[in-house]
C-alpha cells in the first residue's frame, strides 16, 4: 500500500488522477476525487491506496519509472506531507476484484 499524508485546501471540482508510470505507454491510475470528498478540508489525513489499484489499471509494478503524478483539469490546492509504502491487511477492500 501507498500511504499518503495530505491536506486538501479546497474541494476538488473535477477528477483528480493519481498515476504511476512504468515506461511509456505503461501506466496505472486512480481517481482520488471520490475518496477525498469524504474528508474535511484543511486537516491532515493519511490516505491508504493499495498498489493493486494501479496494477489493476495497467501498471507493471516491477518497472516503475515515475511513482507519483497528479493531474486534474479543475482547480487543486493540496499539501503532501509524506508518501510511504506500508503493509495493510489484504482484507482492505479498495480495488479488490472479488468485491
PDB file of N, CA and C in Angstrom:
ATOM      1  N   UNK A   1       0.832  -1.184   0.000  1.00  0.00           N
ATOM      2  CA  UNK A   1       0.000   0.000   0.000  1.00  0.00           C
ATOM      3  C   UNK A   1       0.871   1.238   0.000  1.00  0.00           C
ATOM      4  N   UNK A   2       0.407   2.261  -0.684  1.00  0.00           N
ATOM      5  CA  UNK A   2       0.974   3.591  -0.539  1.00  0.00           C
ATOM      6  C   UNK A   2       0.154   4.299   0.520  1.00  0.00           C
ATOM      7  N   UNK A   3       0.803   4.979   1.435  1.00  0.00           N
ATOM      8  CA  UNK A   3       0.104   5.794   2.413  1.00  0.00           C
ATOM      9  C   UNK A   3       0.548   7.226   2.183  1.00  0.00           C
ATOM     10  N   UNK A   4      -0.402   8.079   1.842  1.00  0.00           N
ATOM     11  CA  UNK A   4      -0.110   9.472   1.514  1.00  0.00           C
ATOM     12  C   UNK A   4      -0.699  10.352   2.605  1.00  0.00           C
ATOM     13  N   UNK A   5       0.154  11.140   3.269  1.00  0.00           N
ATOM     14  CA  UNK A   5      -0.319  12.142   4.217  1.00  0.00           C
ATOM     15  C   UNK A   5      -0.549  13.422   3.426  1.00  0.00           C
ATOM     16  N   UNK A   6      -1.787  13.892   3.438  1.00  0.00           N
ATOM     17  CA  UNK A   6      -2.089  15.093   2.670  1.00  0.00           C
ATOM     18  C   UNK A   6      -3.135  15.945   3.359  1.00  0.00           C
ATOM     19  N   UNK A   7      -3.168  17.190   2.932  1.00  0.00           N
ATOM     20  CA  UNK A   7      -4.159  18.150   3.422  1.00  0.00           C
ATOM     21  C   UNK A   7      -4.778  18.811   2.204  1.00  0.00           C
ATOM     22  N   UNK A   8      -6.077  18.676   2.080  1.00  0.00           N
ATOM     23  CA  UNK A   8      -6.816  19.280   0.977  1.00  0.00           C
ATOM     24  C   UNK A   8      -7.277  20.670   1.410  1.00  0.00           C
ATOM     25  N   UNK A   9      -6.943  21.704   0.626  1.00  0.00           N
ATOM     26  CA  UNK A   9      -7.241  23.083   0.996  1.00  0.00           C
ATOM     27  C   UNK A   9      -8.518  23.616   0.346  1.00  0.00           C
ATOM     28  N   UNK A  10      -9.014  22.916  -0.656  1.00  0.00           N
ATOM     29  CA  UNK A  10     -10.281  23.300  -1.288  1.00  0.00           C
ATOM     30  C   UNK A  10     -10.901  22.051  -1.877  1.00  0.00           C
ATOM     31  N   UNK A  11     -12.222  22.072  -2.008  1.00  0.00           N
ATOM     32  CA  UNK A  11     -12.912  20.918  -2.593  1.00  0.00           C
ATOM     33  C   UNK A  11     -12.436  20.716  -4.028  1.00  0.00           C
ATOM     34  N   UNK A  12     -12.361  19.471  -4.422  1.00  0.00           N
ATOM     35  CA  UNK A  12     -11.925  19.123  -5.768  1.00  0.00           C
ATOM     36  C   UNK A  12     -13.112  19.293  -6.713  1.00  0.00           C
ATOM     37  N   UNK A  13     -12.917  20.067  -7.768  1.00  0.00           N
ATOM     38  CA  UNK A  13     -14.022  20.357  -8.683  1.00  0.00           C
ATOM     39  C   UNK A  13     -14.148  19.332  -9.819  1.00  0.00           C
ATOM     40  N   UNK A  14     -13.063  18.685 -10.187  1.00  0.00           N
ATOM     41  CA  UNK A  14     -13.068  17.700 -11.276  1.00  0.00           C
ATOM     42  C   UNK A  14     -12.277  16.486 -10.819  1.00  0.00           C
ATOM     43  N   UNK A  15     -12.161  15.502 -11.653  1.00  0.00           N
ATOM     44  CA  UNK A  15     -11.386  14.304 -11.314  1.00  0.00           C
ATOM     45  C   UNK A  15      -9.971  14.690 -10.910  1.00  0.00           C
ATOM     46  N   UNK A  16      -9.427  13.967  -9.924  1.00  0.00           N
ATOM     47  CA  UNK A  16      -8.034  14.111  -9.527  1.00  0.00           C
ATOM     48  C   UNK A  16      -7.374  12.757  -9.744  1.00  0.00           C
ATOM     49  N   UNK A  17      -6.616  12.665 -10.810  1.00  0.00           N
ATOM     50  CA  UNK A  17      -5.994  11.406 -11.200  1.00  0.00           C
ATOM     51  C   UNK A  17      -4.612  11.304 -10.559  1.00  0.00           C
ATOM     52  N   UNK A  18      -4.407  10.223  -9.830  1.00  0.00           N
ATOM     53  CA  UNK A  18      -3.102   9.886  -9.262  1.00  0.00           C
ATOM     54  C   UNK A  18      -2.577   8.727 -10.089  1.00  0.00           C
ATOM     55  N   UNK A  19      -1.415   8.926 -10.717  1.00  0.00           N
ATOM     56  CA  UNK A  19      -0.910   7.983 -11.708  1.00  0.00           C
ATOM     57  C   UNK A  19       0.494   7.530 -11.367  1.00  0.00           C
ATOM     58  N   UNK A  20       0.757   6.264 -11.641  1.00  0.00           N
ATOM     59  CA  UNK A  20       2.092   5.679 -11.565  1.00  0.00           C
ATOM     60  C   UNK A  20       2.458   5.245 -12.984  1.00  0.00           C
ATOM     61  N   UNK A  21       3.643   5.643 -13.438  1.00  0.00           N
ATOM     62  CA  UNK A  21       4.086   5.281 -14.789  1.00  0.00           C
ATOM     63  C   UNK A  21       5.175   4.221 -14.723  1.00  0.00           C
ATOM     64  N   UNK A  22       5.170   3.358 -15.729  1.00  0.00           N
ATOM     65  CA  UNK A  22       6.130   2.251 -15.791  1.00  0.00           C
ATOM     66  C   UNK A  22       6.672   2.138 -17.217  1.00  0.00           C
ATOM     67  N   UNK A  23       7.324   3.184 -17.664  1.00  0.00           N
ATOM     68  CA  UNK A  23       7.900   3.284 -19.011  1.00  0.00           C
ATOM     69  C   UNK A  23       6.810   3.263 -20.085  1.00  0.00           C
ATOM     70  N   UNK A  24       6.690   4.384 -20.780  1.00  0.00           N
ATOM     71  CA  UNK A  24       5.660   4.621 -21.782  1.00  0.00           C
ATOM     72  C   UNK A  24       5.506   3.421 -22.714  1.00  0.00           C
ATOM     73  N   UNK A  25       4.282   3.011 -22.958  1.00  0.00           N
ATOM     74  CA  UNK A  25       2.990   3.583 -22.589  1.00  0.00           C
ATOM     75  C   UNK A  25       2.385   2.968 -21.324  1.00  0.00           C
ATOM     76  N   UNK A  26       3.176   2.263 -20.548  1.00  0.00           N
ATOM     77  CA  UNK A  26       2.688   1.578 -19.355  1.00  0.00           C
ATOM     78  C   UNK A  26       2.339   2.583 -18.254  1.00  0.00           C
ATOM     79  N   UNK A  27       1.121   2.498 -17.732  1.00  0.00           N
ATOM     80  CA  UNK A  27       0.669   3.400 -16.677  1.00  0.00           C
ATOM     81  C   UNK A  27      -0.515   2.778 -15.942  1.00  0.00           C
ATOM     82  N   UNK A  28      -0.748   3.236 -14.743  1.00  0.00           N
ATOM     83  CA  UNK A  28      -1.920   2.835 -13.970  1.00  0.00           C
ATOM     84  C   UNK A  28      -2.358   4.024 -13.142  1.00  0.00           C
ATOM     85  N   UNK A  29      -3.673   4.267 -13.063  1.00  0.00           N
ATOM     86  CA  UNK A  29      -4.136   5.461 -12.360  1.00  0.00           C
ATOM     87  C   UNK A  29      -5.388   5.179 -11.534  1.00  0.00           C
ATOM     88  N   UNK A  30      -5.603   6.070 -10.566  1.00  0.00           N
ATOM     89  CA  UNK A  30      -6.753   6.022  -9.675  1.00  0.00           C
ATOM     90  C   UNK A  30      -7.309   7.433  -9.579  1.00  0.00           C
ATOM     91  N   UNK A  31      -8.630   7.579  -9.640  1.00  0.00           N
ATOM     92  CA  UNK A  31      -9.263   8.879  -9.424  1.00  0.00           C
ATOM     93  C   UNK A  31      -9.458   9.057  -7.921  1.00  0.00           C
ATOM     94  N   UNK A  32      -8.764  10.022  -7.328  1.00  0.00           N
ATOM     95  CA  UNK A  32      -8.844  10.256  -5.888  1.00  0.00           C
ATOM     96  C   UNK A  32     -10.043  11.092  -5.468  1.00  0.00           C
ATOM     97  N   UNK A  33     -10.718  11.735  -6.415  1.00  0.00           N
ATOM     98  CA  UNK A  33     -11.831  12.611  -6.040  1.00  0.00           C
ATOM     99  C   UNK A  33     -12.887  11.883  -5.208  1.00  0.00           C
ATOM    100  N   UNK A  34     -13.367  10.704  -5.608  1.00  0.00           N
ATOM    101  CA  UNK A  34     -14.393  10.043  -4.784  1.00  0.00           C
ATOM    102  C   UNK A  34     -13.887   9.690  -3.378  1.00  0.00           C
ATOM    103  N   UNK A  35     -12.607   9.387  -3.248  1.00  0.00           N
ATOM    104  CA  UNK A  35     -12.050   9.057  -1.938  1.00  0.00           C
ATOM    105  C   UNK A  35     -11.922  10.293  -1.054  1.00  0.00           C
ATOM    106  N   UNK A  36     -11.508  11.403  -1.643  1.00  0.00           N
ATOM    107  CA  UNK A  36     -11.220  12.599  -0.863  1.00  0.00           C
ATOM    108  C   UNK A  36     -12.459  13.419  -0.515  1.00  0.00           C
ATOM    109  N   UNK A  37     -13.557  13.212  -1.215  1.00  0.00           N
ATOM    110  CA  UNK A  37     -14.759  14.002  -0.941  1.00  0.00           C
ATOM    111  C   UNK A  37     -15.283  13.811   0.483  1.00  0.00           C
ATOM    112  N   UNK A  38     -14.990  12.676   1.094  1.00  0.00           N
ATOM    113  CA  UNK A  38     -15.496  12.390   2.436  1.00  0.00           C
ATOM    114  C   UNK A  38     -14.652  13.040   3.536  1.00  0.00           C
ATOM    115  N   UNK A  39     -13.479  13.552   3.194  1.00  0.00           N
ATOM    116  CA  UNK A  39     -12.583  14.091   4.203  1.00  0.00           C
ATOM    117  C   UNK A  39     -12.766  15.598   4.367  1.00  0.00           C
ATOM    118  N   UNK A  40     -12.510  16.114   5.565  1.00  0.00           N
ATOM    119  CA  UNK A  40     -12.638  17.561   5.800  1.00  0.00           C
ATOM    120  C   UNK A  40     -11.499  18.337   5.152  1.00  0.00           C
ATOM    121  N   UNK A  41     -11.758  19.590   4.886  1.00  0.00           N
ATOM    122  CA  UNK A  41     -10.734  20.481   4.348  1.00  0.00           C
ATOM    123  C   UNK A  41      -9.785  20.914   5.459  1.00  0.00           C
ATOM    124  N   UNK A  42      -8.568  21.239   5.065  1.00  0.00           N
ATOM    125  CA  UNK A  42      -7.560  21.836   5.945  1.00  0.00           C
ATOM    126  C   UNK A  42      -7.207  20.999   7.168  1.00  0.00           C
ATOM    127  N   UNK A  43      -7.313  19.680   7.035  1.00  0.00           N
ATOM    128  CA  UNK A  43      -6.887  18.771   8.088  1.00  0.00           C
ATOM    129  C   UNK A  43      -6.017  17.692   7.457  1.00  0.00           C
ATOM    130  N   UNK A  44      -4.939  17.339   8.135  1.00  0.00           N
ATOM    131  CA  UNK A  44      -4.071  16.284   7.634  1.00  0.00           C
ATOM    132  C   UNK A  44      -4.783  14.947   7.735  1.00  0.00           C
ATOM    133  N   UNK A  45      -4.709  14.160   6.677  1.00  0.00           N
ATOM    134  CA  UNK A  45      -5.253  12.804   6.662  1.00  0.00           C
ATOM    135  C   UNK A  45      -4.179  11.866   6.117  1.00  0.00           C
ATOM    136  N   UNK A  46      -4.335  10.604   6.404  1.00  0.00           N
ATOM    137  CA  UNK A  46      -3.470   9.574   5.828  1.00  0.00           C
ATOM    138  C   UNK A  46      -4.343   8.709   4.941  1.00  0.00           C
ATOM    139  N   UNK A  47      -4.084   8.750   3.652  1.00  0.00           N
ATOM    140  CA  UNK A  47      -4.898   8.063   2.660  1.00  0.00           C
ATOM    141  C   UNK A  47      -4.174   6.812   2.165  1.00  0.00           C
ATOM    142  N   UNK A  48      -4.676   5.611   2.507  1.00  0.00           N
ATOM    143  CA  UNK A  48      -4.043   4.384   2.009  1.00  0.00           C
ATOM    144  C   UNK A  48      -4.582   4.021   0.622  1.00  0.00           C
ATOM    145  N   UNK A  49      -3.689   3.699  -0.292  1.00  0.00           N
ATOM    146  CA  UNK A  49      -4.086   3.281  -1.637  1.00  0.00           C
ATOM    147  C   UNK A  49      -3.353   1.977  -1.951  1.00  0.00           C
ATOM    148  N   UNK A  50      -4.085   0.888  -2.102  1.00  0.00           N
ATOM    149  CA  UNK A  50      -3.435  -0.380  -2.430  1.00  0.00           C
ATOM    150  C   UNK A  50      -2.713  -0.303  -3.777  1.00  0.00           C
ATOM    151  N   UNK A  51      -1.526  -0.883  -3.834  1.00  0.00           N
ATOM    152  CA  UNK A  51      -0.792  -0.929  -5.101  1.00  0.00           C
ATOM    153  C   UNK A  51      -1.575  -1.706  -6.153  1.00  0.00           C
ATOM    154  N   UNK A  52      -2.445  -2.620  -5.719  1.00  0.00           N
ATOM    155  CA  UNK A  52      -3.254  -3.379  -6.683  1.00  0.00           C
ATOM    156  C   UNK A  52      -4.169  -2.458  -7.492  1.00  0.00           C
ATOM    157  N   UNK A  53      -4.517  -1.279  -6.963  1.00  0.00           N
ATOM    158  CA  UNK A  53      -5.334  -0.334  -7.738  1.00  0.00           C
ATOM    159  C   UNK A  53      -4.603   0.064  -9.021  1.00  0.00           C
ATOM    160  N   UNK A  54      -3.301   0.309  -8.897  1.00  0.00           N
ATOM    161  CA  UNK A  54      -2.504   0.708 -10.059  1.00  0.00           C
ATOM    162  C   UNK A  54      -2.240  -0.489 -10.976  1.00  0.00           C
ATOM    163  N   UNK A  55      -1.984  -1.640 -10.378  1.00  0.00           N
ATOM    164  CA  UNK A  55      -1.768  -2.853 -11.179  1.00  0.00           C
ATOM    165  C   UNK A  55      -3.035  -3.217 -11.944  1.00  0.00           C
ATOM    166  N   UNK A  56      -4.198  -3.131 -11.288  1.00  0.00           N
ATOM    167  CA  UNK A  56      -5.469  -3.421 -11.957  1.00  0.00           C
ATOM    168  C   UNK A  56      -5.728  -2.463 -13.117  1.00  0.00           C
ATOM    169  N   UNK A  57      -5.174  -1.242 -13.019  1.00  0.00           N
ATOM    170  CA  UNK A  57      -5.370  -0.228 -14.062  1.00  0.00           C
ATOM    171  C   UNK A  57      -4.282  -0.289 -15.134  1.00  0.00           C
ATOM    172  N   UNK A  58      -3.361  -1.273 -15.046  1.00  0.00           N
ATOM    173  CA  UNK A  58      -2.394  -1.462 -16.121  1.00  0.00           C
ATOM    174  C   UNK A  58      -0.939  -1.234 -15.779  1.00  0.00           C
ATOM    175  N   UNK A  59      -0.620  -0.807 -14.558  1.00  0.00           N
ATOM    176  CA  UNK A  59       0.783  -0.557 -14.213  1.00  0.00           C
ATOM    177  C   UNK A  59       1.532  -1.866 -13.967  1.00  0.00           C
ATOM    178  N   UNK A  60       2.752  -1.925 -14.470  1.00  0.00           N
ATOM    179  CA  UNK A  60       3.666  -3.028 -14.183  1.00  0.00           C
ATOM    180  C   UNK A  60       4.500  -2.593 -12.990  1.00  0.00           C
ATOM    181  N   UNK A  61       4.161  -3.080 -11.804  1.00  0.00           N
ATOM    182  CA  UNK A  61       4.801  -2.616 -10.573  1.00  0.00           C
ATOM    183  C   UNK A  61       6.270  -3.022 -10.464  1.00  0.00           C
ATOM    184  N   UNK A  62       6.729  -3.884 -11.334  1.00  0.00           N
ATOM    185  CA  UNK A  62       8.147  -4.271 -11.313  1.00  0.00           C
ATOM    186  C   UNK A  62       8.994  -3.338 -12.174  1.00  0.00           C
ATOM    187  N   UNK A  63       8.371  -2.332 -12.808  1.00  0.00           N
ATOM    188  CA  UNK A  63       9.086  -1.494 -13.770  1.00  0.00           C
ATOM    189  C   UNK A  63       8.670  -0.020 -13.648  1.00  0.00           C
ATOM    190  N   UNK A  64       8.535   0.490 -12.429  1.00  0.00           N
ATOM    191  CA  UNK A  64       8.078   1.864 -12.209  1.00  0.00           C
ATOM    192  C   UNK A  64       9.216   2.849 -12.486  1.00  0.00           C
ATOM    193  N   UNK A  65       8.918   3.872 -13.291  1.00  0.00           N
ATOM    194  CA  UNK A  65       9.919   4.911 -13.546  1.00  0.00           C
ATOM    195  C   UNK A  65       9.440   6.292 -13.083  1.00  0.00           C
ATOM    196  N   UNK A  66       8.171   6.429 -12.775  1.00  0.00           N
ATOM    197  CA  UNK A  66       7.632   7.689 -12.266  1.00  0.00           C
ATOM    198  C   UNK A  66       6.548   7.338 -11.247  1.00  0.00           C
ATOM    199  N   UNK A  67       6.882   7.370  -9.956  1.00  0.00           N
ATOM    200  CA  UNK A  67       5.993   6.809  -8.949  1.00  0.00           C
ATOM    201  C   UNK A  67       4.835   7.686  -8.494  1.00  0.00           C
ATOM    202  N   UNK A  68       4.816   8.962  -8.870  1.00  0.00           N
ATOM    203  CA  UNK A  68       3.754   9.805  -8.333  1.00  0.00           C
ATOM    204  C   UNK A  68       3.474  10.980  -9.258  1.00  0.00           C
ATOM    205  N   UNK A  69       2.319  10.932  -9.927  1.00  0.00           N
ATOM    206  CA  UNK A  69       1.882  12.008 -10.813  1.00  0.00           C
ATOM    207  C   UNK A  69       0.436  12.347 -10.473  1.00  0.00           C
ATOM    208  N   UNK A  70       0.146  13.633 -10.330  1.00  0.00           N
ATOM    209  CA  UNK A  70      -1.221  14.082 -10.115  1.00  0.00           C
ATOM    210  C   UNK A  70      -1.638  14.915 -11.312  1.00  0.00           C
ATOM    211  N   UNK A  71      -2.892  14.754 -11.740  1.00  0.00           N
ATOM    212  CA  UNK A  71      -3.407  15.602 -12.817  1.00  0.00           C
ATOM    213  C   UNK A  71      -4.892  15.855 -12.615  1.00  0.00           C
ATOM    214  N   UNK A  72      -5.295  17.059 -12.952  1.00  0.00           N
ATOM    215  CA  UNK A  72      -6.699  17.440 -12.910  1.00  0.00           C
ATOM    216  C   UNK A  72      -6.919  18.553 -13.922  1.00  0.00           C
ATOM    217  N   UNK A  73      -8.125  18.677 -14.400  1.00  0.00           N
ATOM    218  CA  UNK A  73      -8.488  19.795 -15.270  1.00  0.00           C
ATOM    219  C   UNK A  73      -9.202  20.871 -14.469  1.00  0.00           C
ATOM    220  N   UNK A  74      -9.411  20.598 -13.187  1.00  0.00           N
ATOM    221  CA  UNK A  74     -10.030  21.561 -12.289  1.00  0.00           C
ATOM    222  C   UNK A  74      -8.973  22.266 -11.463  1.00  0.00           C
ATOM    223  N   UNK A  75      -9.438  23.024 -10.470  1.00  0.00           N
ATOM    224  CA  UNK A  75      -8.518  23.690  -9.561  1.00  0.00           C
ATOM    225  C   UNK A  75      -8.160  22.727  -8.447  1.00  0.00           C
ATOM    226  N   UNK A  76      -6.929  22.845  -7.980  1.00  0.00           N
ATOM    227  CA  UNK A  76      -6.456  21.945  -6.939  1.00  0.00           C
ATOM    228  C   UNK A  76      -5.471  22.682  -6.053  1.00  0.00           C
ATOM    229  N   UNK A  77      -5.686  22.573  -4.758  1.00  0.00           N
ATOM    230  CA  UNK A  77      -4.727  23.084  -3.798  1.00  0.00           C
ATOM    231  C   UNK A  77      -4.642  22.063  -2.677  1.00  0.00           C
ATOM    232  N   UNK A  78      -3.495  21.369  -2.613  1.00  0.00           N
ATOM    233  CA  UNK A  78      -3.287  20.390  -1.558  1.00  0.00           C
ATOM    234  C   UNK A  78      -1.839  20.401  -1.133  1.00  0.00           C
ATOM    235  N   UNK A  79      -1.609  19.950   0.091  1.00  0.00           N
ATOM    236  CA  UNK A  79      -0.254  19.801   0.617  1.00  0.00           C
ATOM    237  C   UNK A  79       0.006  18.320   0.810  1.00  0.00           C
ATOM    238  N   UNK A  80       1.220  17.889   0.486  1.00  0.00           N
ATOM    239  CA  UNK A  80       1.623  16.499   0.687  1.00  0.00           C
ATOM    240  C   UNK A  80       2.731  16.506   1.726  1.00  0.00           C
ATOM    241  N   UNK A  81       2.506  15.748   2.808  1.00  0.00           N
ATOM    242  CA  UNK A  81       3.484  15.713   3.882  1.00  0.00           C
ATOM    243  C   UNK A  81       4.440  14.545   3.758  1.00  0.00           C
ATOM    244  N   UNK A  82       3.927  13.385   3.368  1.00  0.00           N
ATOM    245  CA  UNK A  82       4.749  12.186   3.333  1.00  0.00           C
ATOM    246  C   UNK A  82       4.065  11.161   2.440  1.00  0.00           C
ATOM    247  N   UNK A  83       4.861  10.364   1.764  1.00  0.00           N
ATOM    248  CA  UNK A  83       4.363   9.231   0.980  1.00  0.00           C
ATOM    249  C   UNK A  83       5.264   8.059   1.319  1.00  0.00           C
ATOM    250  N   UNK A  84       4.639   6.939   1.726  1.00  0.00           N
ATOM    251  CA  UNK A  84       5.454   5.788   2.105  1.00  0.00           C
ATOM    252  C   UNK A  84       4.733   4.496   1.776  1.00  0.00           C
ATOM    253  N   UNK A  85       5.507   3.435   1.673  1.00  0.00           N
ATOM    254  CA  UNK A  85       4.951   2.097   1.483  1.00  0.00           C
ATOM    255  C   UNK A  85       4.690   1.482   2.846  1.00  0.00           C
ATOM    256  N   UNK A  86       3.520   0.877   3.014  1.00  0.00           N
ATOM    257  CA  UNK A  86       3.180   0.205   4.266  1.00  0.00           C
ATOM    258  C   UNK A  86       2.496  -1.113   3.945  1.00  0.00           C
ATOM    259  N   UNK A  87       2.353  -1.943   4.955  1.00  0.00           N
ATOM    260  CA  UNK A  87       1.624  -3.191   4.791  1.00  0.00           C
ATOM    261  C   UNK A  87       0.319  -3.069   5.559  1.00  0.00           C
ATOM    262  N   UNK A  88      -0.792  -3.255   4.864  1.00  0.00           N
ATOM    263  CA  UNK A  88      -2.125  -3.282   5.465  1.00  0.00           C
ATOM    264  C   UNK A  88      -2.715  -4.659   5.235  1.00  0.00           C
ATOM    265  N   UNK A  89      -3.725  -5.021   5.983  1.00  0.00           N
ATOM    266  CA  UNK A  89      -4.346  -6.338   5.786  1.00  0.00           C
ATOM    267  C   UNK A  89      -4.875  -6.498   4.360  1.00  0.00           C
ATOM    268  N   UNK A  90      -4.753  -7.697   3.828  1.00  0.00           N
ATOM    269  CA  UNK A  90      -5.283  -7.984   2.490  1.00  0.00           C
ATOM    270  C   UNK A  90      -6.793  -7.798   2.439  1.00  0.00           C
ATOM    271  N   UNK A  91      -7.436  -7.794   3.600  1.00  0.00           N
ATOM    272  CA  UNK A  91      -8.893  -7.620   3.638  1.00  0.00           C
ATOM    273  C   UNK A  91      -9.316  -6.192   3.307  1.00  0.00           C
ATOM    274  N   UNK A  92      -8.374  -5.248   3.249  1.00  0.00           N
ATOM    275  CA  UNK A  92      -8.689  -3.873   2.867  1.00  0.00           C
ATOM    276  C   UNK A  92      -9.318  -3.924   1.480  1.00  0.00           C
ATOM    277  N   UNK A  93     -10.532  -3.432   1.335  1.00  0.00           N
ATOM    278  CA  UNK A  93     -11.350  -3.749   0.160  1.00  0.00           C
ATOM    279  C   UNK A  93     -11.115  -2.894  -1.085  1.00  0.00           C
ATOM    280  N   UNK A  94     -10.468  -1.766  -0.989  1.00  0.00           N
ATOM    281  CA  UNK A  94     -10.316  -0.890  -2.140  1.00  0.00           C
ATOM    282  C   UNK A  94      -9.588  -1.594  -3.280  1.00  0.00           C
ATOM    283  N   UNK A  95     -10.173  -1.566  -4.472  1.00  0.00           N
ATOM    284  CA  UNK A  95      -9.624  -2.135  -5.702  1.00  0.00           C
ATOM    285  C   UNK A  95      -9.531  -3.660  -5.694  1.00  0.00           C
ATOM    286  N   UNK A  96     -10.320  -4.309  -4.890  1.00  0.00           N
ATOM    287  CA  UNK A  96     -10.333  -5.777  -4.897  1.00  0.00           C
ATOM    288  C   UNK A  96     -11.240  -6.253  -6.024  1.00  0.00           C
ATOM    289  N   UNK A  97     -10.802  -7.278  -6.716  1.00  0.00           N
ATOM    290  CA  UNK A  97     -11.599  -7.855  -7.802  1.00  0.00           C
ATOM    291  C   UNK A  97     -12.804  -8.646  -7.289  1.00  0.00           C
ATOM    292  N   UNK A  98     -12.721  -9.127  -6.064  1.00  0.00           N
ATOM    293  CA  UNK A  98     -13.770 -10.002  -5.541  1.00  0.00           C
ATOM    294  C   UNK A  98     -14.825  -9.275  -4.713  1.00  0.00           C
ATOM    295  N   UNK A  99     -14.957  -7.947  -4.893  1.00  0.00           N
ATOM    296  CA  UNK A  99     -15.958  -7.190  -4.137  1.00  0.00           C
ATOM    297  C   UNK A  99     -17.343  -7.532  -4.608  1.00  0.00           C
TER     298      UNK A  99
END
